[in-house]
Amino acid sequence: MGHVHRPCSDVIHGIPYATLGAVSFQAAVPRSAWTWDSFEQAQKAPRLGVIVIENANVTIQYLQFCDVTHGMTPYSGA
């Protein structure tokens, strides 16, 4: 899935997928010209993901555990 720092989910060719947010900073929506020098942190609070697998069912619950102001310091490019 990669390392995206943001929750997203969908179904591609009948295969469901989901990514989790980060417990640090959240990434902004991807842009075509994304580089480390142009990266900007999204103003969203850190989250945890709880995954429950029961029989043939998968449930993902995203849990915000603090306010956005308590997240990590944004990436500085250094």
PDB file of N, CA and C in Angstrom:
ATOM      1  N   MET A   1       0.811  -1.201   0.000  1.00  0.00           N
ATOM      2  CA  MET A   1       0.000   0.000   0.000  1.00  0.00           C
ATOM      3  C   MET A   1       0.849   1.257   0.000  1.00  0.00           C
ATOM      4  N   GLY A   2       2.034   1.173   0.511  1.00  0.00           N
ATOM      5  CA  GLY A   2       2.839   2.373   0.591  1.00  0.00           C
ATOM      6  C   GLY A   2       2.724   3.022   1.953  1.00  0.00           C
ATOM      7  N   HIS A   3       3.216   4.206   2.058  1.00  0.00           N
ATOM      8  CA  HIS A   3       3.298   4.918   3.323  1.00  0.00           C
ATOM      9  C   HIS A   3       2.669   6.285   3.098  1.00  0.00           C
ATOM     10  N   VAL A   4       1.362   6.410   3.402  1.00  0.00           N
ATOM     11  CA  VAL A   4       0.652   7.616   2.982  1.00  0.00           C
ATOM     12  C   VAL A   4       0.242   8.571   4.101  1.00  0.00           C
ATOM     13  N   HIS A   5       0.294   8.160   5.366  1.00  0.00           N
ATOM     14  CA  HIS A   5      -0.062   9.028   6.493  1.00  0.00           C
ATOM     15  C   HIS A   5      -1.442   9.648   6.353  1.00  0.00           C
ATOM     16  N   ARG A   6      -2.381   8.933   5.782  1.00  0.00           N
ATOM     17  CA  ARG A   6      -3.757   9.422   5.717  1.00  0.00           C
ATOM     18  C   ARG A   6      -4.694   8.237   5.512  1.00  0.00           C
ATOM     19  N   PRO A   7      -5.864   8.273   6.150  1.00  0.00           N
ATOM     20  CA  PRO A   7      -6.808   7.178   5.986  1.00  0.00           C
ATOM     21  C   PRO A   7      -7.516   7.269   4.635  1.00  0.00           C
ATOM     22  N   CYS A   8      -7.572   6.163   3.934  1.00  0.00           N
ATOM     23  CA  CYS A   8      -8.339   6.099   2.698  1.00  0.00           C
ATOM     24  C   CYS A   8      -8.717   4.638   2.447  1.00  0.00           C
ATOM     25  N   SER A   9      -9.769   4.434   1.686  1.00  0.00           N
ATOM     26  CA  SER A   9     -10.198   3.072   1.360  1.00  0.00           C
ATOM     27  C   SER A   9     -10.961   3.100   0.041  1.00  0.00           C
ATOM     28  N   ASP A  10     -11.010   1.938  -0.594  1.00  0.00           N
ATOM     29  CA  ASP A  10     -11.711   1.810  -1.865  1.00  0.00           C
ATOM     30  C   ASP A  10     -11.720   0.336  -2.231  1.00  0.00           C
ATOM     31  N   VAL A  11     -12.251   0.037  -3.393  1.00  0.00           N
ATOM     32  CA  VAL A  11     -12.241  -1.312  -3.947  1.00  0.00           C
ATOM     33  C   VAL A  11     -11.730  -1.202  -5.379  1.00  0.00           C
ATOM     34  N   ILE A  12     -10.707  -1.965  -5.700  1.00  0.00           N
ATOM     35  CA  ILE A  12     -10.153  -1.981  -7.053  1.00  0.00           C
ATOM     36  C   ILE A  12     -10.244  -3.403  -7.579  1.00  0.00           C
ATOM     37  N   HIS A  13     -10.919  -3.576  -8.696  1.00  0.00           N
ATOM     38  CA  HIS A  13     -11.097  -4.898  -9.309  1.00  0.00           C
ATOM     39  C   HIS A  13     -11.627  -5.915  -8.300  1.00  0.00           C
ATOM     40  N   GLY A  14     -12.573  -5.478  -7.455  1.00  0.00           N
ATOM     41  CA  GLY A  14     -13.196  -6.369  -6.484  1.00  0.00           C
ATOM     42  C   GLY A  14     -12.380  -6.627  -5.228  1.00  0.00           C
ATOM     43  N   ILE A  15     -11.224  -5.983  -5.099  1.00  0.00           N
ATOM     44  CA  ILE A  15     -10.363  -6.180  -3.929  1.00  0.00           C
ATOM     45  C   ILE A  15     -10.409  -4.921  -3.065  1.00  0.00           C
ATOM     46  N   PRO A  16     -10.957  -5.043  -1.844  1.00  0.00           N
ATOM     47  CA  PRO A  16     -10.992  -3.873  -0.967  1.00  0.00           C
ATOM     48  C   PRO A  16      -9.624  -3.591  -0.358  1.00  0.00           C
ATOM     49  N   TYR A  17      -9.352  -2.313  -0.106  1.00  0.00           N
ATOM     50  CA  TYR A  17      -8.114  -1.942   0.577  1.00  0.00           C
ATOM     51  C   TYR A  17      -8.393  -0.768   1.506  1.00  0.00           C
ATOM     52  N   ALA A  18      -7.524  -0.596   2.479  1.00  0.00           N
ATOM     53  CA  ALA A  18      -7.627   0.540   3.393  1.00  0.00           C
ATOM     54  C   ALA A  18      -6.234   0.892   3.893  1.00  0.00           C
ATOM     55  N   THR A  19      -5.989   2.177   4.084  1.00  0.00           N
ATOM     56  CA  THR A  19      -4.752   2.630   4.708  1.00  0.00           C
ATOM     57  C   THR A  19      -5.136   3.344   5.994  1.00  0.00           C
ATOM     58  N   LEU A  20      -4.191   3.479   6.882  1.00  0.00           N
ATOM     59  CA  LEU A  20      -4.438   4.144   8.154  1.00  0.00           C
ATOM     60  C   LEU A  20      -3.751   5.498   8.168  1.00  0.00           C
ATOM     61  N   GLY A  21      -4.259   6.384   8.991  1.00  0.00           N
ATOM     62  CA  GLY A  21      -3.576   7.636   9.232  1.00  0.00           C
ATOM     63  C   GLY A  21      -2.350   7.357  10.084  1.00  0.00           C
ATOM     64  N   ALA A  22      -1.682   8.387  10.509  1.00  0.00           N
ATOM     65  CA  ALA A  22      -0.467   8.228  11.289  1.00  0.00           C
ATOM     66  C   ALA A  22      -0.687   8.658  12.731  1.00  0.00           C
ATOM     67  N   VAL A  23       0.158   8.146  13.614  1.00  0.00           N
ATOM     68  CA  VAL A  23       0.099   8.592  15.006  1.00  0.00           C
ATOM     69  C   VAL A  23       0.914   9.865  15.192  1.00  0.00           C
ATOM     70  N   SER A  24       1.521  10.352  14.127  1.00  0.00           N
ATOM     71  CA  SER A  24       2.252  11.627  14.159  1.00  0.00           C
ATOM     72  C   SER A  24       1.479  12.621  13.305  1.00  0.00           C
ATOM     73  N   PHE A  25       2.065  13.130  12.242  1.00  0.00           N
ATOM     74  CA  PHE A  25       1.384  14.092  11.385  1.00  0.00           C
ATOM     75  C   PHE A  25       0.641  13.379  10.262  1.00  0.00           C
ATOM     76  N   GLN A  26      -0.351  14.052   9.701  1.00  0.00           N
ATOM     77  CA  GLN A  26      -1.111  13.519   8.574  1.00  0.00           C
ATOM     78  C   GLN A  26      -0.641  14.186   7.290  1.00  0.00           C
ATOM     79  N   ALA A  27      -0.553  13.425   6.243  1.00  0.00           N
ATOM     80  CA  ALA A  27      -0.133  13.971   4.950  1.00  0.00           C
ATOM     81  C   ALA A  27      -1.324  14.623   4.255  1.00  0.00           C
ATOM     82  N   ALA A  28      -1.031  15.607   3.478  1.00  0.00           N
ATOM     83  CA  ALA A  28      -2.070  16.264   2.678  1.00  0.00           C
ATOM     84  C   ALA A  28      -2.451  15.360   1.502  1.00  0.00           C
ATOM     85  N   VAL A  29      -3.530  15.702   0.840  1.00  0.00           N
ATOM     86  CA  VAL A  29      -3.936  14.954  -0.354  1.00  0.00           C
ATOM     87  C   VAL A  29      -2.785  14.990  -1.352  1.00  0.00           C
ATOM     88  N   PRO A  30      -2.447  13.838  -1.961  1.00  0.00           N
ATOM     89  CA  PRO A  30      -1.296  13.806  -2.890  1.00  0.00           C
ATOM     90  C   PRO A  30      -1.457  14.804  -4.032  1.00  0.00           C
ATOM     91  N   ARG A  31      -0.330  15.347  -4.423  1.00  0.00           N
ATOM     92  CA  ARG A  31      -0.275  16.250  -5.579  1.00  0.00           C
ATOM     93  C   ARG A  31       0.657  15.632  -6.613  1.00  0.00           C
ATOM     94  N   SER A  32       0.487  16.016  -7.847  1.00  0.00           N
ATOM     95  CA  SER A  32       1.325  15.419  -8.895  1.00  0.00           C
ATOM     96  C   SER A  32       2.794  15.818  -8.773  1.00  0.00           C
ATOM     97  N   ALA A  33       3.080  16.985  -8.208  1.00  0.00           N
ATOM     98  CA  ALA A  33       4.472  17.451  -8.130  1.00  0.00           C
ATOM     99  C   ALA A  33       5.015  17.384  -6.702  1.00  0.00           C
ATOM    100  N   TRP A  34       4.645  16.373  -5.945  1.00  0.00           N
ATOM    101  CA  TRP A  34       5.047  16.264  -4.541  1.00  0.00           C
ATOM    102  C   TRP A  34       6.536  15.947  -4.421  1.00  0.00           C
ATOM    103  N   THR A  35       7.241  16.727  -3.611  1.00  0.00           N
ATOM    104  CA  THR A  35       8.647  16.465  -3.288  1.00  0.00           C
ATOM    105  C   THR A  35       8.838  16.763  -1.808  1.00  0.00           C
ATOM    106  N   TRP A  36       9.970  16.359  -1.233  1.00  0.00           N
ATOM    107  CA  TRP A  36      10.232  16.677   0.172  1.00  0.00           C
ATOM    108  C   TRP A  36      10.281  18.184   0.396  1.00  0.00           C
ATOM    109  N   ASP A  37      10.731  18.925  -0.581  1.00  0.00           N
ATOM    110  CA  ASP A  37      10.810  20.380  -0.437  1.00  0.00           C
ATOM    111  C   ASP A  37       9.435  21.049  -0.492  1.00  0.00           C
ATOM    112  N   SER A  38       8.456  20.416  -1.148  1.00  0.00           N
ATOM    113  CA  SER A  38       7.133  21.027  -1.267  1.00  0.00           C
ATOM    114  C   SER A  38       6.093  20.384  -0.341  1.00  0.00           C
ATOM    115  N   PHE A  39       6.513  19.411   0.494  1.00  0.00           N
ATOM    116  CA  PHE A  39       5.576  18.724   1.381  1.00  0.00           C
ATOM    117  C   PHE A  39       4.964  19.687   2.396  1.00  0.00           C
ATOM    118  N   GLU A  40       3.652  19.605   2.565  1.00  0.00           N
ATOM    119  CA  GLU A  40       2.953  20.386   3.580  1.00  0.00           C
ATOM    120  C   GLU A  40       2.077  19.456   4.392  1.00  0.00           C
ATOM    121  N   GLN A  41       2.180  19.548   5.705  1.00  0.00           N
ATOM    122  CA  GLN A  41       1.396  18.715   6.601  1.00  0.00           C
ATOM    123  C   GLN A  41      -0.069  19.116   6.558  1.00  0.00           C
ATOM    124  N   ALA A  42      -0.959  18.146   6.520  1.00  0.00           N
ATOM    125  CA  ALA A  42      -2.392  18.435   6.601  1.00  0.00           C
ATOM    126  C   ALA A  42      -2.734  18.819   8.036  1.00  0.00           C
ATOM    127  N   GLN A  43      -3.653  19.719   8.211  1.00  0.00           N
ATOM    128  CA  GLN A  43      -4.053  20.152   9.551  1.00  0.00           C
ATOM    129  C   GLN A  43      -5.135  19.214  10.082  1.00  0.00           C
ATOM    130  N   LYS A  44      -4.733  17.973  10.337  1.00  0.00           N
ATOM    131  CA  LYS A  44      -5.633  16.949  10.867  1.00  0.00           C
ATOM    132  C   LYS A  44      -4.956  16.287  12.047  1.00  0.00           C
ATOM    133  N   ALA A  45      -5.746  15.872  13.013  1.00  0.00           N
ATOM    134  CA  ALA A  45      -5.212  15.284  14.235  1.00  0.00           C
ATOM    135  C   ALA A  45      -4.647  13.881  13.988  1.00  0.00           C
ATOM    136  N   PRO A  46      -3.659  13.475  14.790  1.00  0.00           N
ATOM    137  CA  PRO A  46      -3.135  12.106  14.713  1.00  0.00           C
ATOM    138  C   PRO A  46      -4.236  11.093  15.020  1.00  0.00           C
ATOM    139  N   ARG A  47      -4.096   9.884  14.492  1.00  0.00           N
ATOM    140  CA  ARG A  47      -5.105   8.839  14.689  1.00  0.00           C
ATOM    141  C   ARG A  47      -4.460   7.478  14.839  1.00  0.00           C
ATOM    142  N   LEU A  48      -5.231   6.601  15.437  1.00  0.00           N
ATOM    143  CA  LEU A  48      -4.894   5.179  15.491  1.00  0.00           C
ATOM    144  C   LEU A  48      -5.950   4.437  14.693  1.00  0.00           C
ATOM    145  N   GLY A  49      -5.609   3.262  14.206  1.00  0.00           N
ATOM    146  CA  GLY A  49      -6.587   2.416  13.548  1.00  0.00           C
ATOM    147  C   GLY A  49      -6.704   1.106  14.303  1.00  0.00           C
ATOM    148  N   VAL A  50      -7.930   0.721  14.609  1.00  0.00           N
ATOM    149  CA  VAL A  50      -8.194  -0.563  15.261  1.00  0.00           C
ATOM    150  C   VAL A  50      -8.863  -1.456  14.230  1.00  0.00           C
ATOM    151  N   ILE A  51      -8.258  -2.606  13.980  1.00  0.00           N
ATOM    152  CA  ILE A  51      -8.765  -3.534  12.973  1.00  0.00           C
ATOM    153  C   ILE A  51      -9.304  -4.763  13.678  1.00  0.00           C
ATOM    154  N   VAL A  52     -10.563  -5.099  13.399  1.00  0.00           N
ATOM    155  CA  VAL A  52     -11.189  -6.290  13.964  1.00  0.00           C
ATOM    156  C   VAL A  52     -11.510  -7.229  12.815  1.00  0.00           C
ATOM    157  N   ILE A  53     -10.956  -8.458  12.885  1.00  0.00           N
ATOM    158  CA  ILE A  53     -11.227  -9.477  11.872  1.00  0.00           C
ATOM    159  C   ILE A  53     -12.011 -10.583  12.563  1.00  0.00           C
ATOM    160  N   GLU A  54     -13.236 -10.793  12.090  1.00  0.00           N
ATOM    161  CA  GLU A  54     -14.136 -11.750  12.719  1.00  0.00           C
ATOM    162  C   GLU A  54     -14.848 -12.527  11.616  1.00  0.00           C
ATOM    163  N   ASN A  55     -14.575 -13.834  11.559  1.00  0.00           N
ATOM    164  CA  ASN A  55     -15.114 -14.675  10.490  1.00  0.00           C
ATOM    165  C   ASN A  55     -14.676 -14.088   9.150  1.00  0.00           C
ATOM    166  N   ALA A  56     -15.604 -13.728   8.278  1.00  0.00           N
ATOM    167  CA  ALA A  56     -15.236 -13.165   6.978  1.00  0.00           C
ATOM    168  C   ALA A  56     -15.391 -11.644   6.962  1.00  0.00           C
ATOM    169  N   ASN A  57     -15.549 -11.029   8.127  1.00  0.00           N
ATOM    170  CA  ASN A  57     -15.770  -9.586   8.211  1.00  0.00           C
ATOM    171  C   ASN A  57     -14.536  -8.864   8.732  1.00  0.00           C
ATOM    172  N   VAL A  58     -14.233  -7.735   8.115  1.00  0.00           N
ATOM    173  CA  VAL A  58     -13.135  -6.882   8.568  1.00  0.00           C
ATOM    174  C   VAL A  58     -13.725  -5.503   8.860  1.00  0.00           C
ATOM    175  N   THR A  59     -13.468  -5.008  10.070  1.00  0.00           N
ATOM    176  CA  THR A  59     -13.936  -3.685  10.465  1.00  0.00           C
ATOM    177  C   THR A  59     -12.726  -2.861  10.864  1.00  0.00           C
ATOM    178  N   ILE A  60     -12.639  -1.637  10.331  1.00  0.00           N
ATOM    179  CA  ILE A  60     -11.558  -0.724  10.699  1.00  0.00           C
ATOM    180  C   ILE A  60     -12.190   0.500  11.344  1.00  0.00           C
ATOM    181  N   GLN A  61     -11.742   0.802  12.547  1.00  0.00           N
ATOM    182  CA  GLN A  61     -12.221   1.994  13.247  1.00  0.00           C
ATOM    183  C   GLN A  61     -11.050   2.944  13.409  1.00  0.00           C
ATOM    184  N   TYR A  62     -11.225   4.188  12.946  1.00  0.00           N
ATOM    185  CA  TYR A  62     -10.193   5.205  13.072  1.00  0.00           C
ATOM    186  C   TYR A  62     -10.463   5.997  14.345  1.00  0.00           C
ATOM    187  N   LEU A  63      -9.475   6.083  15.225  1.00  0.00           N
ATOM    188  CA  LEU A  63      -9.649   6.748  16.513  1.00  0.00           C
ATOM    189  C   LEU A  63      -8.728   7.957  16.640  1.00  0.00           C
ATOM    190  N   GLN A  64      -9.311   9.126  16.784  1.00  0.00           N
ATOM    191  CA  GLN A  64      -8.529  10.332  17.053  1.00  0.00           C
ATOM    192  C   GLN A  64      -8.254  10.369  18.547  1.00  0.00           C
ATOM    193  N   PHE A  65      -6.986  10.466  18.941  1.00  0.00           N
ATOM    194  CA  PHE A  65      -6.648  10.396  20.360  1.00  0.00           C
ATOM    195  C   PHE A  65      -6.162  11.716  20.941  1.00  0.00           C
ATOM    196  N   CYS A  66      -6.027  12.742  20.127  1.00  0.00           N
ATOM    197  CA  CYS A  66      -5.692  14.066  20.643  1.00  0.00           C
ATOM    198  C   CYS A  66      -6.053  15.110  19.590  1.00  0.00           C
ATOM    199  N   ASP A  67      -5.965  16.355  19.967  1.00  0.00           N
ATOM    200  CA  ASP A  67      -6.253  17.462  19.063  1.00  0.00           C
ATOM    201  C   ASP A  67      -5.095  17.657  18.086  1.00  0.00           C
ATOM    202  N   VAL A  68      -5.347  18.280  16.962  1.00  0.00           N
ATOM    203  CA  VAL A  68      -4.311  18.518  15.953  1.00  0.00           C
ATOM    204  C   VAL A  68      -3.136  19.312  16.515  1.00  0.00           C
ATOM    205  N   THR A  69      -3.366  20.177  17.483  1.00  0.00           N
ATOM    206  CA  THR A  69      -2.288  20.992  18.039  1.00  0.00           C
ATOM    207  C   THR A  69      -1.311  20.182  18.881  1.00  0.00           C
ATOM    208  N   HIS A  70      -1.647  18.940  19.215  1.00  0.00           N
ATOM    209  CA  HIS A  70      -0.764  18.092  20.016  1.00  0.00           C
ATOM    210  C   HIS A  70       0.044  17.110  19.162  1.00  0.00           C
ATOM    211  N   GLY A  71      -0.118  17.160  17.849  1.00  0.00           N
ATOM    212  CA  GLY A  71       0.633  16.277  16.961  1.00  0.00           C
ATOM    213  C   GLY A  71       2.107  16.684  16.888  1.00  0.00           C
ATOM    214  N   MET A  72       2.848  15.944  16.102  1.00  0.00           N
ATOM    215  CA  MET A  72       4.281  16.237  15.936  1.00  0.00           C
ATOM    216  C   MET A  72       4.492  17.558  15.227  1.00  0.00           C
ATOM    217  N   THR A  73       5.655  18.119  15.391  1.00  0.00           N
ATOM    218  CA  THR A  73       6.057  19.319  14.675  1.00  0.00           C
ATOM    219  C   THR A  73       6.120  18.994  13.189  1.00  0.00           C
ATOM    220  N   PRO A  74       5.601  19.841  12.318  1.00  0.00           N
ATOM    221  CA  PRO A  74       5.623  19.567  10.882  1.00  0.00           C
ATOM    222  C   PRO A  74       7.035  19.331  10.351  1.00  0.00           C
ATOM    223  N   TYR A  75       7.137  18.566   9.292  1.00  0.00           N
ATOM    224  CA  TYR A  75       8.391  18.309   8.617  1.00  0.00           C
ATOM    225  C   TYR A  75       9.001  19.624   8.161  1.00  0.00           C
ATOM    226  N   SER A  76      10.262  19.829   8.438  1.00  0.00           N
ATOM    227  CA  SER A  76      10.890  21.123   8.125  1.00  0.00           C
ATOM    228  C   SER A  76      11.702  21.115   6.835  1.00  0.00           C
ATOM    229  N   GLY A  77      11.869  19.940   6.219  1.00  0.00           N
ATOM    230  CA  GLY A  77      12.647  19.857   5.000  1.00  0.00           C
ATOM    231  C   GLY A  77      14.140  19.780   5.248  1.00  0.00           C
ATOM    232  N   ALA A  78      14.549  19.770   6.520  1.00  0.00           N
ATOM    233  CA  ALA A  78      15.984  19.721   6.853  1.00  0.00           C
ATOM    234  C   ALA A  78      16.438  18.317   7.141  1.00  0.00           C
TER     235      ALA A  78
END
